[in-house]
PDB file of N, CA and C in Angstrom:
ATOM      1  N   UNK A   1       0.720  -1.141  -0.024  1.00  0.00           N
ATOM      2  CA  UNK A   1      -0.027   0.069  -0.023  1.00  0.00           C
ATOM      3  C   UNK A   1       0.961   1.289  -0.027  1.00  0.00           C
ATOM      4  N   UNK A   2       0.290   2.014  -1.131  1.00  0.00           N
ATOM      5  CA  UNK A   2       1.541   3.225  -1.129  1.00  0.00           C
ATOM      6  C   UNK A   2       0.874   4.496  -0.511  1.00  0.00           C
ATOM      7  N   UNK A   3       0.809   4.772   0.587  1.00  0.00           N
ATOM      8  CA  UNK A   3       0.350   5.751   1.510  1.00  0.00           C
ATOM      9  C   UNK A   3       1.247   6.821   1.426  1.00  0.00           C
ATOM     10  N   UNK A   4       0.250   8.397   0.887  1.00  0.00           N
ATOM     11  CA  UNK A   4       1.280   9.217   0.519  1.00  0.00           C
ATOM     12  C   UNK A   4       1.082  10.293   1.345  1.00  0.00           C
ATOM     13  N   UNK A   5      -0.131  10.148   2.134  1.00  0.00           N
ATOM     14  CA  UNK A   5      -0.141  11.063   3.414  1.00  0.00           C
ATOM     15  C   UNK A   5      -1.330  10.750   4.585  1.00  0.00           C
ATOM     16  N   UNK A   6      -1.105  10.865   5.833  1.00  0.00           N
ATOM     17  CA  UNK A   6      -2.423  10.466   6.641  1.00  0.00           C
ATOM     18  C   UNK A   6      -2.313  11.551   7.792  1.00  0.00           C
ATOM     19  N   UNK A   7      -3.624  12.308   7.671  1.00  0.00           N
ATOM     20  CA  UNK A   7      -3.441  13.333   8.829  1.00  0.00           C
ATOM     21  C   UNK A   7      -4.446  13.170   9.781  1.00  0.00           C
ATOM     22  N   UNK A   8      -4.746  13.239  10.949  1.00  0.00           N
ATOM     23  CA  UNK A   8      -5.224  12.935  12.108  1.00  0.00           C
ATOM     24  C   UNK A   8      -5.548  14.544  12.705  1.00  0.00           C
ATOM     25  N   UNK A   9      -6.938  14.844  12.573  1.00  0.00           N
ATOM     26  CA  UNK A   9      -7.257  16.351  13.406  1.00  0.00           C
ATOM     27  C   UNK A   9      -8.480  15.921  14.454  1.00  0.00           C
ATOM     28  N   UNK A  10      -8.030  16.968  15.758  1.00  0.00           N
ATOM     29  CA  UNK A  10      -8.969  16.625  16.931  1.00  0.00           C
ATOM     30  C   UNK A  10      -9.613  18.067  17.059  1.00  0.00           C
ATOM     31  N   UNK A  11     -10.804  18.057  17.503  1.00  0.00           N
ATOM     32  CA  UNK A  11     -11.784  18.992  17.987  1.00  0.00           C
ATOM     33  C   UNK A  11     -12.199  18.874  19.218  1.00  0.00           C
ATOM     34  N   UNK A  12     -11.717  19.712  20.310  1.00  0.00           N
ATOM     35  CA  UNK A  12     -12.379  19.439  21.837  1.00  0.00           C
ATOM     36  C   UNK A  12     -13.627  19.972  21.851  1.00  0.00           C
ATOM     37  N   UNK A  13     -14.657  19.523  22.159  1.00  0.00           N
ATOM     38  CA  UNK A  13     -16.088  20.030  22.541  1.00  0.00           C
ATOM     39  C   UNK A  13     -16.128  20.149  24.214  1.00  0.00           C
ATOM     40  N   UNK A  14     -15.890  21.339  24.905  1.00  0.00           N
ATOM     41  CA  UNK A  14     -15.735  21.134  26.193  1.00  0.00           C
ATOM     42  C   UNK A  14     -17.280  21.095  26.733  1.00  0.00           C
ATOM     43  N   UNK A  15     -18.115  21.774  26.109  1.00  0.00           N
ATOM     44  CA  UNK A  15     -19.798  21.798  26.538  1.00  0.00           C
ATOM     45  C   UNK A  15     -20.288  20.261  26.434  1.00  0.00           C
ATOM     46  N   UNK A  16     -19.697  19.456  25.616  1.00  0.00           N
ATOM     47  CA  UNK A  16     -20.264  18.060  25.572  1.00  0.00           C
ATOM     48  C   UNK A  16     -19.231  17.113  26.215  1.00  0.00           C
ATOM     49  N   UNK A  17     -18.237  17.662  26.562  1.00  0.00           N
ATOM     50  CA  UNK A  17     -17.240  16.697  27.344  1.00  0.00           C
ATOM     51  C   UNK A  17     -16.984  15.719  26.384  1.00  0.00           C
ATOM     52  N   UNK A  18     -16.432  16.014  24.928  1.00  0.00           N
ATOM     53  CA  UNK A  18     -15.941  15.148  24.058  1.00  0.00           C
ATOM     54  C   UNK A  18     -15.094  15.642  23.218  1.00  0.00           C
ATOM     55  N   UNK A  19     -14.324  14.546  22.288  1.00  0.00           N
ATOM     56  CA  UNK A  19     -13.448  14.905  21.121  1.00  0.00           C
ATOM     57  C   UNK A  19     -13.777  14.257  20.068  1.00  0.00           C
ATOM     58  N   UNK A  20     -14.000  14.973  19.193  1.00  0.00           N
ATOM     59  CA  UNK A  20     -14.285  14.611  17.516  1.00  0.00           C
ATOM     60  C   UNK A  20     -12.907  14.161  17.188  1.00  0.00           C
ATOM     61  N   UNK A  21     -12.611  13.492  16.306  1.00  0.00           N
ATOM     62  CA  UNK A  21     -11.492  12.814  15.721  1.00  0.00           C
ATOM     63  C   UNK A  21     -11.944  12.860  14.289  1.00  0.00           C
ATOM     64  N   UNK A  22     -11.087  13.118  13.272  1.00  0.00           N
ATOM     65  CA  UNK A  22     -11.257  13.268  11.871  1.00  0.00           C
ATOM     66  C   UNK A  22      -9.806  12.559  11.421  1.00  0.00           C
ATOM     67  N   UNK A  23      -9.668  11.555  10.638  1.00  0.00           N
ATOM     68  CA  UNK A  23      -8.507  11.117   9.896  1.00  0.00           C
ATOM     69  C   UNK A  23      -8.826  11.437   8.369  1.00  0.00           C
ATOM     70  N   UNK A  24      -7.689  11.577   7.694  1.00  0.00           N
ATOM     71  CA  UNK A  24      -7.775  11.589   6.191  1.00  0.00           C
ATOM     72  C   UNK A  24      -6.504  10.765   5.709  1.00  0.00           C
ATOM     73  N   UNK A  25      -6.755   9.584   4.883  1.00  0.00           N
ATOM     74  CA  UNK A  25      -5.676   9.076   4.247  1.00  0.00           C
ATOM     75  C   UNK A  25      -5.829   9.326   2.585  1.00  0.00           C
ATOM     76  N   UNK A  26      -4.502   9.082   2.280  1.00  0.00           N
ATOM     77  CA  UNK A  26      -4.349   9.307   0.849  1.00  0.00           C
ATOM     78  C   UNK A  26      -3.428   8.236   0.194  1.00  0.00           C
ATOM     79  N   UNK A  27      -3.360   7.754  -0.938  1.00  0.00           N
ATOM     80  CA  UNK A  27      -2.550   7.333  -1.381  1.00  0.00           C
ATOM     81  C   UNK A  27      -2.714   7.068  -3.072  1.00  0.00           C
ATOM     82  N   UNK A  28      -1.453   6.600  -3.611  1.00  0.00           N
ATOM     83  CA  UNK A  28      -1.357   6.276  -5.092  1.00  0.00           C
ATOM     84  C   UNK A  28      -1.726   5.075  -5.507  1.00  0.00           C
ATOM     85  N   UNK A  29      -2.341   4.893  -6.724  1.00  0.00           N
ATOM     86  CA  UNK A  29      -2.924   3.566  -6.940  1.00  0.00           C
ATOM     87  C   UNK A  29      -4.364   3.056  -6.791  1.00  0.00           C
ATOM     88  N   UNK A  30      -4.550   1.963  -7.087  1.00  0.00           N
ATOM     89  CA  UNK A  30      -6.263   1.526  -7.384  1.00  0.00           C
ATOM     90  C   UNK A  30      -6.833   0.849  -6.002  1.00  0.00           C
ATOM     91  N   UNK A  31      -6.267   1.241  -4.862  1.00  0.00           N
ATOM     92  CA  UNK A  31      -7.065   0.680  -3.787  1.00  0.00           C
ATOM     93  C   UNK A  31      -7.450   1.953  -3.020  1.00  0.00           C
ATOM     94  N   UNK A  32      -8.490   1.698  -2.382  1.00  0.00           N
ATOM     95  CA  UNK A  32      -9.058   2.522  -1.123  1.00  0.00           C
ATOM     96  C   UNK A  32      -8.282   2.408   0.189  1.00  0.00           C
ATOM     97  N   UNK A  33      -8.520   3.654   0.917  1.00  0.00           N
ATOM     98  CA  UNK A  33      -7.435   3.583   2.118  1.00  0.00           C
ATOM     99  C   UNK A  33      -8.654   3.689   3.169  1.00  0.00           C
ATOM    100  N   UNK A  34      -9.735   3.460   3.145  1.00  0.00           N
ATOM    101  CA  UNK A  34     -10.789   3.812   4.360  1.00  0.00           C
ATOM    102  C   UNK A  34     -10.373   3.259   5.592  1.00  0.00           C
ATOM    103  N   UNK A  35     -10.240   1.682   5.493  1.00  0.00           N
ATOM    104  CA  UNK A  35      -9.584   1.230   6.437  1.00  0.00           C
ATOM    105  C   UNK A  35      -8.243   1.452   7.281  1.00  0.00           C
ATOM    106  N   UNK A  36      -7.274   2.252   6.436  1.00  0.00           N
ATOM    107  CA  UNK A  36      -6.095   2.709   7.168  1.00  0.00           C
ATOM    108  C   UNK A  36      -6.673   4.271   8.053  1.00  0.00           C
ATOM    109  N   UNK A  37      -7.621   4.856   7.489  1.00  0.00           N
ATOM    110  CA  UNK A  37      -8.528   6.176   8.244  1.00  0.00           C
ATOM    111  C   UNK A  37      -9.256   5.948   9.220  1.00  0.00           C
ATOM    112  N   UNK A  38      -9.771   4.907   9.119  1.00  0.00           N
ATOM    113  CA  UNK A  38     -10.516   4.181  10.277  1.00  0.00           C
ATOM    114  C   UNK A  38      -9.850   3.393  11.393  1.00  0.00           C
ATOM    115  N   UNK A  39      -8.797   3.091  11.043  1.00  0.00           N
ATOM    116  CA  UNK A  39      -7.664   2.418  12.284  1.00  0.00           C
ATOM    117  C   UNK A  39      -6.913   3.984  12.835  1.00  0.00           C
ATOM    118  N   UNK A  40      -6.764   5.051  11.707  1.00  0.00           N
ATOM    119  CA  UNK A  40      -6.132   6.233  12.610  1.00  0.00           C
ATOM    120  C   UNK A  40      -7.134   6.694  13.688  1.00  0.00           C
ATOM    121  N   UNK A  41      -8.036   6.882  13.342  1.00  0.00           N
ATOM    122  CA  UNK A  41      -9.314   7.379  14.156  1.00  0.00           C
ATOM    123  C   UNK A  41      -9.457   6.289  15.474  1.00  0.00           C
ATOM    124  N   UNK A  42      -9.426   5.042  15.331  1.00  0.00           N
ATOM    125  CA  UNK A  42      -9.377   4.273  16.462  1.00  0.00           C
ATOM    126  C   UNK A  42      -8.277   4.215  17.304  1.00  0.00           C
ATOM    127  N   UNK A  43      -7.137   4.104  16.736  1.00  0.00           N
ATOM    128  CA  UNK A  43      -6.035   4.252  17.638  1.00  0.00           C
ATOM    129  C   UNK A  43      -6.080   5.615  18.062  1.00  0.00           C
ATOM    130  N   UNK A  44      -6.408   6.699  17.801  1.00  0.00           N
ATOM    131  CA  UNK A  44      -6.243   8.149  18.499  1.00  0.00           C
ATOM    132  C   UNK A  44      -7.282   8.108  19.316  1.00  0.00           C
ATOM    133  N   UNK A  45      -8.505   7.515  19.279  1.00  0.00           N
ATOM    134  CA  UNK A  45      -9.567   7.535  20.574  1.00  0.00           C
ATOM    135  C   UNK A  45      -8.963   6.518  21.660  1.00  0.00           C
ATOM    136  N   UNK A  46      -8.096   5.509  21.531  1.00  0.00           N
ATOM    137  CA  UNK A  46      -7.864   4.699  22.234  1.00  0.00           C
ATOM    138  C   UNK A  46      -6.651   5.038  23.079  1.00  0.00           C
ATOM    139  N   UNK A  47      -6.141   6.077  22.488  1.00  0.00           N
ATOM    140  CA  UNK A  47      -4.771   6.784  23.129  1.00  0.00           C
ATOM    141  C   UNK A  47      -5.219   7.679  24.005  1.00  0.00           C
ATOM    142  N   UNK A  48      -6.425   8.303  23.312  1.00  0.00           N
ATOM    143  CA  UNK A  48      -6.718   9.660  24.538  1.00  0.00           C
ATOM    144  C   UNK A  48      -7.598   8.829  25.594  1.00  0.00           C
ATOM    145  N   UNK A  49      -8.334   7.665  25.388  1.00  0.00           N
ATOM    146  CA  UNK A  49      -8.761   6.778  26.630  1.00  0.00           C
ATOM    147  C   UNK A  49      -7.352   6.808  27.771  1.00  0.00           C
ATOM    148  N   UNK A  50      -6.497   6.079  27.123  1.00  0.00           N
ATOM    149  CA  UNK A  50      -5.608   5.624  27.772  1.00  0.00           C
ATOM    150  C   UNK A  50      -4.617   6.658  28.479  1.00  0.00           C
ATOM    151  N   UNK A  51      -4.648   8.018  27.997  1.00  0.00           N
ATOM    152  CA  UNK A  51      -4.243   9.251  28.446  1.00  0.00           C
ATOM    153  C   UNK A  51      -5.093   9.328  29.796  1.00  0.00           C
ATOM    154  N   UNK A  52      -6.428   9.507  29.730  1.00  0.00           N
ATOM    155  CA  UNK A  52      -7.217  10.130  30.587  1.00  0.00           C
ATOM    156  C   UNK A  52      -8.094   8.903  31.595  1.00  0.00           C
ATOM    157  N   UNK A  53      -7.910   8.008  31.742  1.00  0.00           N
ATOM    158  CA  UNK A  53      -8.586   6.938  32.247  1.00  0.00           C
ATOM    159  C   UNK A  53      -8.441   7.146  33.686  1.00  0.00           C
ATOM    160  N   UNK A  54      -7.229   7.676  33.969  1.00  0.00           N
ATOM    161  CA  UNK A  54      -7.297   7.970  35.564  1.00  0.00           C
ATOM    162  C   UNK A  54      -8.201   8.878  35.969  1.00  0.00           C
ATOM    163  N   UNK A  55      -8.520   9.640  35.323  1.00  0.00           N
ATOM    164  CA  UNK A  55      -9.699  10.896  35.502  1.00  0.00           C
ATOM    165  C   UNK A  55     -11.187  10.425  35.413  1.00  0.00           C
ATOM    166  N   UNK A  56     -11.380   9.545  34.488  1.00  0.00           N
ATOM    167  CA  UNK A  56     -12.666   9.005  33.937  1.00  0.00           C
ATOM    168  C   UNK A  56     -12.560   7.764  33.378  1.00  0.00           C
ATOM    169  N   UNK A  57     -12.873   6.527  34.067  1.00  0.00           N
ATOM    170  CA  UNK A  57     -12.736   5.154  33.208  1.00  0.00           C
ATOM    171  C   UNK A  57     -13.986   4.928  32.515  1.00  0.00           C
ATOM    172  N   UNK A  58     -15.191   5.775  32.815  1.00  0.00           N
ATOM    173  CA  UNK A  58     -16.495   5.581  32.093  1.00  0.00           C
ATOM    174  C   UNK A  58     -16.649   6.182  30.677  1.00  0.00           C
ATOM    175  N   UNK A  59     -15.318   6.893  30.260  1.00  0.00           N
ATOM    176  CA  UNK A  59     -15.593   7.331  28.884  1.00  0.00           C
ATOM    177  C   UNK A  59     -15.711   6.296  27.865  1.00  0.00           C
ATOM    178  N   UNK A  60     -16.560   6.790  26.867  1.00  0.00           N
ATOM    179  CA  UNK A  60     -17.052   5.988  25.936  1.00  0.00           C
ATOM    180  C   UNK A  60     -16.682   6.568  24.560  1.00  0.00           C
ATOM    181  N   UNK A  61     -15.869   5.381  23.789  1.00  0.00           N
ATOM    182  CA  UNK A  61     -15.623   5.710  22.271  1.00  0.00           C
ATOM    183  C   UNK A  61     -16.684   5.357  21.343  1.00  0.00           C
ATOM    184  N   UNK A  62     -17.250   6.152  20.629  1.00  0.00           N
ATOM    185  CA  UNK A  62     -18.496   5.786  19.862  1.00  0.00           C
ATOM    186  C   UNK A  62     -18.511   6.310  18.385  1.00  0.00           C
ATOM    187  N   UNK A  63     -19.243   5.868  17.812  1.00  0.00           N
ATOM    188  CA  UNK A  63     -19.592   6.516  16.545  1.00  0.00           C
ATOM    189  C   UNK A  63     -18.208   6.734  15.238  1.00  0.00           C
ATOM    190  N   UNK A  64     -17.637   5.763  15.365  1.00  0.00           N
ATOM    191  CA  UNK A  64     -16.490   5.814  14.190  1.00  0.00           C
ATOM    192  C   UNK A  64     -17.086   5.260  13.085  1.00  0.00           C
ATOM    193  N   UNK A  65     -17.052   6.189  12.357  1.00  0.00           N
ATOM    194  CA  UNK A  65     -17.616   5.640  10.735  1.00  0.00           C
ATOM    195  C   UNK A  65     -16.949   6.627   9.646  1.00  0.00           C
ATOM    196  N   UNK A  66     -17.213   6.057   8.517  1.00  0.00           N
ATOM    197  CA  UNK A  66     -16.379   6.536   7.181  1.00  0.00           C
ATOM    198  C   UNK A  66     -17.281   7.769   6.954  1.00  0.00           C
ATOM    199  N   UNK A  67     -16.853   8.886   6.614  1.00  0.00           N
ATOM    200  CA  UNK A  67     -17.537   9.735   6.316  1.00  0.00           C
ATOM    201  C   UNK A  67     -17.987   9.881   4.861  1.00  0.00           C
ATOM    202  N   UNK A  68     -16.757  10.015   4.036  1.00  0.00           N
ATOM    203  CA  UNK A  68     -16.536   9.959   2.378  1.00  0.00           C
ATOM    204  C   UNK A  68     -15.286   9.077   2.027  1.00  0.00           C
ATOM    205  N   UNK A  69     -15.502   8.668   0.467  1.00  0.00           N
ATOM    206  CA  UNK A  69     -14.154   7.905  -0.007  1.00  0.00           C
ATOM    207  C   UNK A  69     -14.240   8.313  -1.190  1.00  0.00           C
ATOM    208  N   UNK A  70     -12.971   8.539  -1.964  1.00  0.00           N
ATOM    209  CA  UNK A  70     -12.996   8.656  -3.547  1.00  0.00           C
ATOM    210  C   UNK A  70     -11.866   7.889  -3.926  1.00  0.00           C
ATOM    211  N   UNK A  71     -12.324   7.302  -5.083  1.00  0.00           N
ATOM    212  CA  UNK A  71     -11.321   6.260  -5.743  1.00  0.00           C
ATOM    213  C   UNK A  71     -11.587   5.085  -5.463  1.00  0.00           C
ATOM    214  N   UNK A  72     -10.656   4.213  -5.791  1.00  0.00           N
ATOM    215  CA  UNK A  72     -10.562   2.642  -5.655  1.00  0.00           C
ATOM    216  C   UNK A  72     -11.546   2.022  -6.478  1.00  0.00           C
ATOM    217  N   UNK A  73     -11.989   0.849  -6.330  1.00  0.00           N
ATOM    218  CA  UNK A  73     -12.981   0.014  -7.111  1.00  0.00           C
ATOM    219  C   UNK A  73     -14.105   0.686  -7.109  1.00  0.00           C
ATOM    220  N   UNK A  74     -14.528   0.956  -5.900  1.00  0.00           N
ATOM    221  CA  UNK A  74     -16.134   1.191  -5.849  1.00  0.00           C
ATOM    222  C   UNK A  74     -16.457   2.765  -6.088  1.00  0.00           C
ATOM    223  N   UNK A  75     -15.330   3.787  -6.419  1.00  0.00           N
ATOM    224  CA  UNK A  75     -15.484   5.099  -6.695  1.00  0.00           C
ATOM    225  C   UNK A  75     -15.949   5.794  -5.409  1.00  0.00           C
ATOM    226  N   UNK A  76     -16.582   6.925  -5.714  1.00  0.00           N
ATOM    227  CA  UNK A  76     -16.847   7.807  -4.517  1.00  0.00           C
ATOM    228  C   UNK A  76     -18.178   7.374  -3.808  1.00  0.00           C
ATOM    229  N   UNK A  77     -18.164   7.775  -2.725  1.00  0.00           N
ATOM    230  CA  UNK A  77     -19.077   7.790  -1.708  1.00  0.00           C
ATOM    231  C   UNK A  77     -19.275   8.780  -0.568  1.00  0.00           C
ATOM    232  N   UNK A  78     -19.994   9.238  -0.228  1.00  0.00           N
ATOM    233  CA  UNK A  78     -20.235  10.236   0.927  1.00  0.00           C
ATOM    234  C   UNK A  78     -21.769  10.023   1.635  1.00  0.00           C
ATOM    235  N   UNK A  79     -21.424   9.684   3.131  1.00  0.00           N
ATOM    236  CA  UNK A  79     -22.332   9.747   3.906  1.00  0.00           C
ATOM    237  C   UNK A  79     -23.616  11.151   4.040  1.00  0.00           C
ATOM    238  N   UNK A  80     -24.933  10.802   4.003  1.00  0.00           N
ATOM    239  CA  UNK A  80     -25.619  11.811   3.655  1.00  0.00           C
ATOM    240  C   UNK A  80     -25.718  13.067   4.935  1.00  0.00           C
ATOM    241  N   UNK A  81     -25.768  14.190   4.798  1.00  0.00           N
ATOM    242  CA  UNK A  81     -25.876  15.165   5.848  1.00  0.00           C
ATOM    243  C   UNK A  81     -26.713  14.586   6.977  1.00  0.00           C
ATOM    244  N   UNK A  82     -27.999  13.817   6.482  1.00  0.00           N
ATOM    245  CA  UNK A  82     -28.859  13.429   7.730  1.00  0.00           C
ATOM    246  C   UNK A  82     -28.022  12.541   8.543  1.00  0.00           C
ATOM    247  N   UNK A  83     -26.898  11.886   8.198  1.00  0.00           N
ATOM    248  CA  UNK A  83     -26.297  11.068   8.961  1.00  0.00           C
ATOM    249  C   UNK A  83     -25.158  11.223   9.628  1.00  0.00           C
ATOM    250  N   UNK A  84     -25.003  12.387   9.406  1.00  0.00           N
ATOM    251  CA  UNK A  84     -23.287  13.132  10.004  1.00  0.00           C
ATOM    252  C   UNK A  84     -23.623  13.332  11.336  1.00  0.00           C
TER     253      UNK A  84
END
Protein backbone atom coordinates (compact mmCIF):
# COMPACT_ATOMS: atom_id res chain seq x y z
CA UNK A 1 0.00 0.00 0.00
CA UNK A 2 1.57 3.25 -1.12
CA UNK A 3 0.23 5.81 1.39
CA UNK A 4 1.09 9.38 0.44
CA UNK A 5 -0.37 11.06 3.53
CA UNK A 6 -2.35 10.49 6.69
CA UNK A 7 -3.67 13.37 8.79
CA UNK A 8 -5.48 13.18 12.12
CA UNK A 9 -7.37 16.20 13.46
CA UNK A 10 -8.89 16.68 16.93
CA UNK A 11 -11.67 19.05 17.99
CA UNK A 12 -12.32 19.43 21.71
CA UNK A 13 -15.99 19.98 22.54
CA UNK A 14 -15.82 21.15 26.15
CA UNK A 15 -19.56 21.79 26.38
CA UNK A 16 -20.35 18.13 25.67
CA UNK A 17 -17.15 16.74 27.25
CA UNK A 18 -16.02 15.01 24.07
CA UNK A 19 -13.30 14.99 21.45
CA UNK A 20 -14.14 14.66 17.76
CA UNK A 21 -11.42 12.91 15.77
CA UNK A 22 -11.17 12.96 11.98
CA UNK A 23 -8.55 11.20 9.86
CA UNK A 24 -7.82 11.45 6.16
CA UNK A 25 -5.65 8.96 4.30
CA UNK A 26 -4.43 9.28 0.72
CA UNK A 27 -2.52 6.93 -1.54
CA UNK A 28 -1.44 6.48 -5.09
CA UNK A 29 -2.77 3.40 -6.76
CA UNK A 30 -6.01 1.59 -7.38
CA UNK A 31 -6.99 0.76 -3.82
CA UNK A 32 -9.04 2.58 -1.23
CA UNK A 33 -7.56 3.48 2.13
CA UNK A 34 -10.71 3.78 4.21
CA UNK A 35 -9.52 1.03 6.58
CA UNK A 36 -6.32 2.96 7.24
CA UNK A 37 -8.31 6.14 8.04
CA UNK A 38 -10.68 4.21 10.32
CA UNK A 39 -7.70 2.60 12.05
CA UNK A 40 -6.09 6.02 12.59
CA UNK A 41 -9.25 7.34 14.26
CA UNK A 42 -9.59 4.20 16.40
CA UNK A 43 -5.99 4.31 17.62
CA UNK A 44 -6.26 8.05 18.35
CA UNK A 45 -9.42 7.44 20.41
CA UNK A 46 -7.78 4.57 22.30
CA UNK A 47 -4.75 6.75 23.01
CA UNK A 48 -6.94 9.52 24.43
CA UNK A 49 -8.74 6.92 26.56
CA UNK A 50 -5.42 5.59 27.85
CA UNK A 51 -4.19 9.09 28.73
CA UNK A 52 -7.45 10.09 30.48
CA UNK A 53 -8.54 6.85 32.18
CA UNK A 54 -7.14 7.98 35.54
CA UNK A 55 -9.71 10.80 35.49
CA UNK A 56 -12.70 8.86 34.10
CA UNK A 57 -12.77 5.15 33.38
CA UNK A 58 -16.37 5.51 32.15
CA UNK A 59 -15.42 7.27 28.92
CA UNK A 60 -17.13 5.97 25.80
CA UNK A 61 -15.57 5.60 22.36
CA UNK A 62 -18.41 5.79 19.86
CA UNK A 63 -19.60 6.60 16.36
CA UNK A 64 -16.48 5.65 14.42
CA UNK A 65 -17.63 5.76 10.82
CA UNK A 66 -16.55 6.47 7.27
CA UNK A 67 -17.66 9.94 6.15
CA UNK A 68 -16.58 9.78 2.50
CA UNK A 69 -14.25 8.05 0.10
CA UNK A 70 -12.93 8.74 -3.37
CA UNK A 71 -11.23 6.38 -5.76
CA UNK A 72 -10.60 2.68 -5.46
CA UNK A 73 -12.71 0.04 -7.18
CA UNK A 74 -16.03 1.27 -5.80
CA UNK A 75 -15.53 4.93 -6.76
CA UNK A 76 -16.94 7.82 -4.74
CA UNK A 77 -19.21 7.61 -1.72
CA UNK A 78 -20.32 10.26 0.78
CA UNK A 79 -22.40 9.90 3.95
CA UNK A 80 -25.61 11.92 3.75
CA UNK A 81 -25.89 15.10 5.82
CA UNK A 82 -28.70 13.50 7.84
CA UNK A 83 -26.33 10.70 8.91
CA UNK A 84 -23.46 12.98 9.95
